[in-house]
Full PDB file with SEQRES, HELIX, SHEET, SSBOND, CRYST1, ORIGX, SCALE, CONECT and MASTER records, all heavy atoms in Angstrom:
SEQRES   1 A   33  PRO TYR THR LEU GLY LEU VAL GLU SER VAL PRO LYS PRO          
SEQRES   2 A   33  ARG GLY GLU ALA ALA SER GLU PRO PRO GLY PRO GLY GLY          
SEQRES   3 A   33  LYS ALA LYS LYS ARG VAL ARG                                  
HELIX    1 AA1 TYR A    2  GLU A    8  1                                   7    
HELIX    2 AA2 GLU A   16  ALA A   18  5                                   3    
SHEET    1 AA1 2 SER A  19  GLU A  20  0                                        
SHEET    2 AA1 2 LYS A  29  LYS A  30 -1                                        
CRYST1    1.000    1.000    1.000  90.00  90.00  90.00 P 1           1          
ORIGX1      1.000000  0.000000  0.000000        0.00000                         
ORIGX2      0.000000  1.000000  0.000000        0.00000                         
ORIGX3      0.000000  0.000000  1.000000        0.00000                         
SCALE1      1.000000  0.000000  0.000000        0.00000                         
SCALE2      0.000000  1.000000  0.000000        0.00000                         
SCALE3      0.000000  0.000000  1.000000        0.00000                         
ATOM      1  N   PRO A   1     100.351 116.479 138.687  1.00  0.00           N  
ATOM      2  CA  PRO A   1     100.004 115.286 139.500  1.00  0.00           C  
ATOM      3  C   PRO A   1      98.821 115.586 140.467  1.00  0.00           C  
ATOM      4  O   PRO A   1      98.012 114.725 140.715  1.00  0.00           O  
ATOM      5  CB  PRO A   1     101.270 114.784 140.136  1.00  0.00           C  
ATOM      6  CG  PRO A   1     102.361 115.310 139.303  1.00  0.00           C  
ATOM      7  CD  PRO A   1     101.911 116.674 138.761  1.00  0.00           C  
ATOM      8  N   TYR A   2      98.870 116.699 141.031  1.00  0.00           N  
ATOM      9  CA  TYR A   2      97.850 117.083 142.028  1.00  0.00           C  
ATOM     10  C   TYR A   2      96.484 117.257 141.392  1.00  0.00           C  
ATOM     11  O   TYR A   2      95.443 116.752 141.850  1.00  0.00           O  
ATOM     12  CB  TYR A   2      98.175 118.369 142.760  1.00  0.00           C  
ATOM     13  CG  TYR A   2      97.117 118.855 143.768  1.00  0.00           C  
ATOM     14  CD1 TYR A   2      96.753 118.089 144.827  1.00  0.00           C  
ATOM     15  CD2 TYR A   2      96.503 120.072 143.626  1.00  0.00           C  
ATOM     16  CE1 TYR A   2      95.780 118.462 145.719  1.00  0.00           C  
ATOM     17  CE2 TYR A   2      95.542 120.530 144.474  1.00  0.00           C  
ATOM     18  CZ  TYR A   2      95.127 119.676 145.511  1.00  0.00           C  
ATOM     19  OH  TYR A   2      94.199 120.195 146.396  1.00  0.00           O  
ATOM     20  N   THR A   3      96.514 117.934 140.226  1.00  0.00           N  
ATOM     21  CA  THR A   3      95.227 118.045 139.449  1.00  0.00           C  
ATOM     22  C   THR A   3      94.719 116.699 139.047  1.00  0.00           C  
ATOM     23  O   THR A   3      93.517 116.475 139.144  1.00  0.00           O  
ATOM     24  CB  THR A   3      95.494 118.968 138.201  1.00  0.00           C  
ATOM     25  OG1 THR A   3      96.090 120.172 138.592  1.00  0.00           O  
ATOM     26  CG2 THR A   3      94.185 119.243 137.501  1.00  0.00           C  
ATOM     27  N   LEU A   4      95.656 115.852 138.587  1.00  0.00           N  
ATOM     28  CA  LEU A   4      95.203 114.484 138.191  1.00  0.00           C  
ATOM     29  C   LEU A   4      94.584 113.729 139.364  1.00  0.00           C  
ATOM     30  O   LEU A   4      93.542 113.127 139.224  1.00  0.00           O  
ATOM     31  CB  LEU A   4      96.464 113.763 137.685  1.00  0.00           C  
ATOM     32  CG  LEU A   4      96.220 112.303 137.234  1.00  0.00           C  
ATOM     33  CD1 LEU A   4      95.208 112.264 136.023  1.00  0.00           C  
ATOM     34  CD2 LEU A   4      97.504 111.606 136.887  1.00  0.00           C  
ATOM     35  N   GLY A   5      95.173 113.931 140.535  1.00  0.00           N  
ATOM     36  CA  GLY A   5      94.580 113.309 141.795  1.00  0.00           C  
ATOM     37  C   GLY A   5      93.157 113.883 142.105  1.00  0.00           C  
ATOM     38  O   GLY A   5      92.326 113.110 142.439  1.00  0.00           O  
ATOM     39  N   LEU A   6      93.060 115.241 141.866  1.00  0.00           N  
ATOM     40  CA  LEU A   6      91.768 115.775 142.184  1.00  0.00           C  
ATOM     41  C   LEU A   6      90.672 115.199 141.140  1.00  0.00           C  
ATOM     42  O   LEU A   6      89.529 114.923 141.479  1.00  0.00           O  
ATOM     43  CB  LEU A   6      91.760 117.299 142.020  1.00  0.00           C  
ATOM     44  CG  LEU A   6      92.519 118.077 143.110  1.00  0.00           C  
ATOM     45  CD1 LEU A   6      92.458 119.565 142.784  1.00  0.00           C  
ATOM     46  CD2 LEU A   6      91.903 117.818 144.458  1.00  0.00           C  
ATOM     47  N   VAL A   7      91.056 115.136 139.906  1.00  0.00           N  
ATOM     48  CA  VAL A   7      90.068 114.631 138.874  1.00  0.00           C  
ATOM     49  C   VAL A   7      89.722 113.187 139.140  1.00  0.00           C  
ATOM     50  O   VAL A   7      88.604 112.777 139.063  1.00  0.00           O  
ATOM     51  CB  VAL A   7      90.735 114.868 137.413  1.00  0.00           C  
ATOM     52  CG1 VAL A   7      89.874 114.074 136.397  1.00  0.00           C  
ATOM     53  CG2 VAL A   7      90.823 116.327 137.104  1.00  0.00           C  
ATOM     54  N   GLU A   8      90.750 112.394 139.488  1.00  0.00           N  
ATOM     55  CA  GLU A   8      90.522 110.997 139.784  1.00  0.00           C  
ATOM     56  C   GLU A   8      89.749 110.727 141.024  1.00  0.00           C  
ATOM     57  O   GLU A   8      89.231 109.681 141.297  1.00  0.00           O  
ATOM     58  CB  GLU A   8      91.814 110.191 139.754  1.00  0.00           C  
ATOM     59  CG  GLU A   8      92.414 110.105 138.403  1.00  0.00           C  
ATOM     60  CD  GLU A   8      93.652 109.195 138.335  1.00  0.00           C  
ATOM     61  OE1 GLU A   8      94.297 108.977 139.463  1.00  0.00           O  
ATOM     62  OE2 GLU A   8      94.026 108.851 137.268  1.00  0.00           O  
ATOM     63  N   SER A   9      89.695 111.738 141.966  1.00  0.00           N  
ATOM     64  CA  SER A   9      88.963 111.588 143.261  1.00  0.00           C  
ATOM     65  C   SER A   9      87.561 111.899 143.099  1.00  0.00           C  
ATOM     66  O   SER A   9      86.706 111.664 144.007  1.00  0.00           O  
ATOM     67  CB  SER A   9      89.615 112.505 144.329  1.00  0.00           C  
ATOM     68  OG  SER A   9      89.306 113.865 144.009  1.00  0.00           O  
ATOM     69  N   VAL A  10      87.136 112.297 141.915  1.00  0.00           N  
ATOM     70  CA  VAL A  10      85.665 112.610 141.659  1.00  0.00           C  
ATOM     71  C   VAL A  10      84.942 111.204 141.624  1.00  0.00           C  
ATOM     72  O   VAL A  10      85.427 110.312 140.910  1.00  0.00           O  
ATOM     73  CB  VAL A  10      85.426 113.317 140.392  1.00  0.00           C  
ATOM     74  CG1 VAL A  10      83.945 113.505 140.076  1.00  0.00           C  
ATOM     75  CG2 VAL A  10      86.014 114.747 140.473  1.00  0.00           C  
ATOM     76  N   PRO A  11      83.917 111.060 142.383  1.00  0.00           N  
ATOM     77  CA  PRO A  11      83.233 109.674 142.445  1.00  0.00           C  
ATOM     78  C   PRO A  11      82.749 109.305 141.055  1.00  0.00           C  
ATOM     79  O   PRO A  11      82.168 110.070 140.269  1.00  0.00           O  
ATOM     80  CB  PRO A  11      82.017 109.906 143.310  1.00  0.00           C  
ATOM     81  CG  PRO A  11      82.375 111.027 144.180  1.00  0.00           C  
ATOM     82  CD  PRO A  11      83.289 111.967 143.316  1.00  0.00           C  
ATOM     83  N   LYS A  12      83.055 108.010 140.633  1.00  0.00           N  
ATOM     84  CA  LYS A  12      82.646 107.513 139.341  1.00  0.00           C  
ATOM     85  C   LYS A  12      82.023 106.036 139.544  1.00  0.00           C  
ATOM     86  O   LYS A  12      82.518 105.289 140.293  1.00  0.00           O  
ATOM     87  CB  LYS A  12      83.874 107.330 138.477  1.00  0.00           C  
ATOM     88  CG  LYS A  12      84.645 108.546 138.137  1.00  0.00           C  
ATOM     89  CD  LYS A  12      85.827 108.306 137.322  1.00  0.00           C  
ATOM     90  CE  LYS A  12      86.667 109.610 137.081  1.00  0.00           C  
ATOM     91  NZ  LYS A  12      87.266 110.125 138.286  1.00  0.00           N  
ATOM     92  N   PRO A  13      80.906 105.827 138.805  1.00  0.00           N  
ATOM     93  CA  PRO A  13      80.323 104.442 138.987  1.00  0.00           C  
ATOM     94  C   PRO A  13      81.335 103.438 138.481  1.00  0.00           C  
ATOM     95  O   PRO A  13      81.985 103.657 137.453  1.00  0.00           O  
ATOM     96  CB  PRO A  13      79.060 104.553 138.123  1.00  0.00           C  
ATOM     97  CG  PRO A  13      78.778 105.993 137.967  1.00  0.00           C  
ATOM     98  CD  PRO A  13      80.066 106.673 138.043  1.00  0.00           C  
ATOM     99  N   ARG A  14      81.369 102.286 139.119  1.00  0.00           N  
ATOM    100  CA  ARG A  14      82.247 101.196 138.678  1.00  0.00           C  
ATOM    101  C   ARG A  14      81.698 100.451 137.444  1.00  0.00           C  
ATOM    102  O   ARG A  14      82.432  99.752 136.812  1.00  0.00           O  
ATOM    103  CB  ARG A  14      82.446 100.239 139.851  1.00  0.00           C  
ATOM    104  CG  ARG A  14      83.312 100.712 140.932  1.00  0.00           C  
ATOM    105  CD  ARG A  14      83.383  99.574 142.010  1.00  0.00           C  
ATOM    106  NE  ARG A  14      84.176  99.988 143.160  1.00  0.00           N  
ATOM    107  CZ  ARG A  14      85.481  99.876 143.222  1.00  0.00           C  
ATOM    108  NH1 ARG A  14      86.161  99.301 142.266  1.00  0.00           N  
ATOM    109  NH2 ARG A  14      86.176 100.267 144.330  1.00  0.00           N  
ATOM    110  N   GLY A  15      80.374 100.591 137.173  1.00  0.00           N  
ATOM    111  CA  GLY A  15      79.859  99.941 135.990  1.00  0.00           C  
ATOM    112  C   GLY A  15      78.988  98.814 136.479  1.00  0.00           C  
ATOM    113  O   GLY A  15      78.808  98.470 137.632  1.00  0.00           O  
ATOM    114  N   GLU A  16      78.210  98.248 135.468  1.00  0.00           N  
ATOM    115  CA  GLU A  16      77.164  97.248 135.825  1.00  0.00           C  
ATOM    116  C   GLU A  16      77.796  96.034 136.478  1.00  0.00           C  
ATOM    117  O   GLU A  16      77.201  95.428 137.413  1.00  0.00           O  
ATOM    118  CB  GLU A  16      76.556  96.857 134.421  1.00  0.00           C  
ATOM    119  CG  GLU A  16      75.722  97.967 133.818  1.00  0.00           C  
ATOM    120  CD  GLU A  16      74.602  98.409 134.645  1.00  0.00           C  
ATOM    121  OE1 GLU A  16      74.071  97.637 135.536  1.00  0.00           O  
ATOM    122  OE2 GLU A  16      74.172  99.582 134.495  1.00  0.00           O  
ATOM    123  N   ALA A  17      79.089  95.648 136.104  1.00  0.00           N  
ATOM    124  CA  ALA A  17      79.632  94.510 136.657  1.00  0.00           C  
ATOM    125  C   ALA A  17      79.925  94.597 138.124  1.00  0.00           C  
ATOM    126  O   ALA A  17      80.096  93.627 138.935  1.00  0.00           O  
ATOM    127  CB  ALA A  17      80.884  94.100 135.917  1.00  0.00           C  
ATOM    128  N   ALA A  18      80.055  95.803 138.635  1.00  0.00           N  
ATOM    129  CA  ALA A  18      80.457  96.098 139.995  1.00  0.00           C  
ATOM    130  C   ALA A  18      79.186  96.370 140.796  1.00  0.00           C  
ATOM    131  O   ALA A  18      79.380  96.844 141.992  1.00  0.00           O  
ATOM    132  CB  ALA A  18      81.418  97.175 140.100  1.00  0.00           C  
ATOM    133  N   SER A  19      78.034  96.199 140.320  1.00  0.00           N  
ATOM    134  CA  SER A  19      76.877  96.553 141.111  1.00  0.00           C  
ATOM    135  C   SER A  19      76.732  95.628 142.286  1.00  0.00           C  
ATOM    136  O   SER A  19      77.045  94.437 142.231  1.00  0.00           O  
ATOM    137  CB  SER A  19      75.607  96.453 140.216  1.00  0.00           C  
ATOM    138  OG  SER A  19      75.622  97.401 139.175  1.00  0.00           O  
ATOM    139  N   GLU A  20      76.192  96.165 143.374  1.00  0.00           N  
ATOM    140  CA  GLU A  20      75.962  95.391 144.597  1.00  0.00           C  
ATOM    141  C   GLU A  20      74.747  94.533 144.394  1.00  0.00           C  
ATOM    142  O   GLU A  20      73.904  94.736 143.486  1.00  0.00           O  
ATOM    143  CB  GLU A  20      75.793  96.311 145.790  1.00  0.00           C  
ATOM    144  CG  GLU A  20      77.054  97.161 146.083  1.00  0.00           C  
ATOM    145  CD  GLU A  20      76.826  98.056 147.255  1.00  0.00           C  
ATOM    146  OE1 GLU A  20      75.698  98.071 147.787  1.00  0.00           O  
ATOM    147  OE2 GLU A  20      77.757  98.702 147.734  1.00  0.00           O  
ATOM    148  N   PRO A  21      74.527  93.595 145.288  1.00  0.00           N  
ATOM    149  CA  PRO A  21      73.233  92.771 145.188  1.00  0.00           C  
ATOM    150  C   PRO A  21      71.983  93.620 145.275  1.00  0.00           C  
ATOM    151  O   PRO A  21      71.989  94.705 145.875  1.00  0.00           O  
ATOM    152  CB  PRO A  21      73.367  91.829 146.439  1.00  0.00           C  
ATOM    153  CG  PRO A  21      74.843  91.764 146.699  1.00  0.00           C  
ATOM    154  CD  PRO A  21      75.304  93.121 146.274  1.00  0.00           C  
ATOM    155  N   PRO A  22      70.967  93.160 144.624  1.00  0.00           N  
ATOM    156  CA  PRO A  22      69.651  93.994 144.684  1.00  0.00           C  
ATOM    157  C   PRO A  22      69.256  94.318 146.093  1.00  0.00           C  
ATOM    158  O   PRO A  22      69.396  93.552 147.004  1.00  0.00           O  
ATOM    159  CB  PRO A  22      68.665  93.042 143.957  1.00  0.00           C  
ATOM    160  CG  PRO A  22      69.478  92.060 143.183  1.00  0.00           C  
ATOM    161  CD  PRO A  22      70.776  91.889 143.968  1.00  0.00           C  
ATOM    162  N   GLY A  23      68.664  95.535 146.182  1.00  0.00           N  
ATOM    163  CA  GLY A  23      68.119  96.058 147.460  1.00  0.00           C  
ATOM    164  C   GLY A  23      66.796  95.559 147.661  1.00  0.00           C  
ATOM    165  O   GLY A  23      66.222  94.733 146.926  1.00  0.00           O  
ATOM    166  N   PRO A  24      66.053  96.220 148.646  1.00  0.00           N  
ATOM    167  CA  PRO A  24      64.656  95.820 148.963  1.00  0.00           C  
ATOM    168  C   PRO A  24      63.716  96.095 147.727  1.00  0.00           C  
ATOM    169  O   PRO A  24      62.733  95.209 147.586  1.00  0.00           O  
ATOM    170  CB  PRO A  24      64.307  96.735 150.126  1.00  0.00           C  
ATOM    171  CG  PRO A  24      65.571  97.117 150.722  1.00  0.00           C  
ATOM    172  CD  PRO A  24      66.581  97.134 149.614  1.00  0.00           C  
ATOM    173  N   GLY A  25      63.996  96.904 146.861  1.00  0.00           N  
ATOM    174  CA  GLY A  25      63.099  97.166 145.757  1.00  0.00           C  
ATOM    175  C   GLY A  25      63.429  96.318 144.589  1.00  0.00           C  
ATOM    176  O   GLY A  25      62.812  96.427 143.529  1.00  0.00           O  
ATOM    177  N   GLY A  26      64.444  95.483 144.658  1.00  0.00           N  
ATOM    178  CA  GLY A  26      64.781  94.571 143.591  1.00  0.00           C  
ATOM    179  C   GLY A  26      65.764  95.172 142.615  1.00  0.00           C  
ATOM    180  O   GLY A  26      66.142  94.486 141.614  1.00  0.00           O  
ATOM    181  N   LYS A  27      66.229  96.372 142.801  1.00  0.00           N  
ATOM    182  CA  LYS A  27      67.146  97.087 141.911  1.00  0.00           C  
ATOM    183  C   LYS A  27      68.596  96.982 142.371  1.00  0.00           C  
ATOM    184  O   LYS A  27      68.798  97.105 143.606  1.00  0.00           O  
ATOM    185  CB  LYS A  27      66.741  98.546 141.693  1.00  0.00           C  
ATOM    186  CG  LYS A  27      65.452  98.726 141.035  1.00  0.00           C  
ATOM    187  CD  LYS A  27      65.159 100.211 140.701  1.00  0.00           C  
ATOM    188  CE  LYS A  27      63.854 100.429 140.026  1.00  0.00           C  
ATOM    189  NZ  LYS A  27      63.602 101.863 139.779  1.00  0.00           N  
ATOM    190  N   ALA A  28      69.517  96.616 141.465  1.00  0.00           N  
ATOM    191  CA  ALA A  28      70.846  96.591 141.843  1.00  0.00           C  
ATOM    192  C   ALA A  28      71.349  98.061 142.190  1.00  0.00           C  
ATOM    193  O   ALA A  28      71.024  98.962 141.508  1.00  0.00           O  
ATOM    194  CB  ALA A  28      71.697  96.015 140.678  1.00  0.00           C  
ATOM    195  N   LYS A  29      72.252  98.061 143.208  1.00  0.00           N  
ATOM    196  CA  LYS A  29      72.810  99.346 143.508  1.00  0.00           C  
ATOM    197  C   LYS A  29      74.256  99.400 143.105  1.00  0.00           C  
ATOM    198  O   LYS A  29      75.007  98.490 143.323  1.00  0.00           O  
ATOM    199  CB  LYS A  29      72.788  99.574 144.993  1.00  0.00           C  
ATOM    200  CG  LYS A  29      71.365  99.543 145.615  1.00  0.00           C  
ATOM    201  CD  LYS A  29      71.424  99.799 147.150  1.00  0.00           C  
ATOM    202  CE  LYS A  29      72.030  98.560 147.859  1.00  0.00           C  
ATOM    203  NZ  LYS A  29      72.065  98.842 149.347  1.00  0.00           N  
ATOM    204  N   LYS A  30      74.637 100.461 142.391  1.00  0.00           N  
ATOM    205  CA  LYS A  30      75.966 100.628 141.827  1.00  0.00           C  
ATOM    206  C   LYS A  30      76.889 101.123 142.903  1.00  0.00           C  
ATOM    207  O   LYS A  30      76.623 101.968 143.638  1.00  0.00           O  
ATOM    208  CB  LYS A  30      76.006 101.554 140.653  1.00  0.00           C  
ATOM    209  CG  LYS A  30      75.433 100.978 139.395  1.00  0.00           C  
ATOM    210  CD  LYS A  30      75.602 101.979 138.187  1.00  0.00           C  
ATOM    211  CE  LYS A  30      74.978 101.521 136.935  1.00  0.00           C  
ATOM    212  NZ  LYS A  30      75.180 102.386 135.848  1.00  0.00           N  
ATOM    213  N   ARG A  31      78.020 100.429 143.092  1.00  0.00           N  
ATOM    214  CA  ARG A  31      79.031 100.933 143.934  1.00  0.00           C  
ATOM    215  C   ARG A  31      79.764 102.088 143.240  1.00  0.00           C  
ATOM    216  O   ARG A  31      79.852 102.164 142.079  1.00  0.00           O  
ATOM    217  CB  ARG A  31      80.029  99.856 144.297  1.00  0.00           C  
ATOM    218  CG  ARG A  31      79.459  98.718 145.127  1.00  0.00           C  
ATOM    219  CD  ARG A  31      80.532  97.927 145.865  1.00  0.00           C  
ATOM    220  NE  ARG A  31      81.527  97.404 144.972  1.00  0.00           N  
ATOM    221  CZ  ARG A  31      81.528  96.234 144.416  1.00  0.00           C  
ATOM    222  NH1 ARG A  31      80.432  95.420 144.561  1.00  0.00           N  
ATOM    223  NH2 ARG A  31      82.498  95.823 143.638  1.00  0.00           N  
ATOM    224  N   VAL A  32      80.357 102.912 144.108  1.00  0.00           N  
ATOM    225  CA  VAL A  32      81.043 104.109 143.491  1.00  0.00           C  
ATOM    226  C   VAL A  32      82.503 104.017 143.805  1.00  0.00           C  
ATOM    227  O   VAL A  32      82.857 103.681 144.983  1.00  0.00           O  
ATOM    228  CB  VAL A  32      80.442 105.446 144.147  1.00  0.00           C  
ATOM    229  CG1 VAL A  32      81.334 106.642 143.664  1.00  0.00           C  
ATOM    230  CG2 VAL A  32      78.998 105.576 143.674  1.00  0.00           C  
ATOM    231  N   ARG A  33      83.408 104.131 142.786  1.00  0.00           N  
ATOM    232  CA  ARG A  33      84.773 104.066 143.000  1.00  0.00           C  
ATOM    233  C   ARG A  33      85.316 105.444 143.504  1.00  0.00           C  
ATOM    234  O   ARG A  33      85.155 106.443 142.865  1.00  0.00           O  
ATOM    235  CB  ARG A  33      85.444 103.670 141.710  1.00  0.00           C  
ATOM    236  CG  ARG A  33      86.968 103.646 141.736  1.00  0.00           C  
ATOM    237  CD  ARG A  33      87.505 102.984 140.444  1.00  0.00           C  
ATOM    238  NE  ARG A  33      86.975 103.532 139.248  1.00  0.00           N  
ATOM    239  CZ  ARG A  33      87.483 104.544 138.600  1.00  0.00           C  
ATOM    240  NH1 ARG A  33      88.592 105.107 139.009  1.00  0.00           N  
ATOM    241  NH2 ARG A  33      86.971 104.954 137.470  1.00  0.00           N  
TER     242      ARG A  33                                                      
MASTER        0    0    0    2    2    0    0    6  241    1    0    3          
END                                                                             
C-alpha cells in the first residue's frame, strides 16, 4: 500500500476535460491531479 501511494502521488494531468480556462496566450492550462 505504501508503494501504491507513492505511485499515485506522482503528478498526472487530469485530461482535456479538466483544463482550466485559457490564459493570456489563449491556451488552456491543464490542472494536475
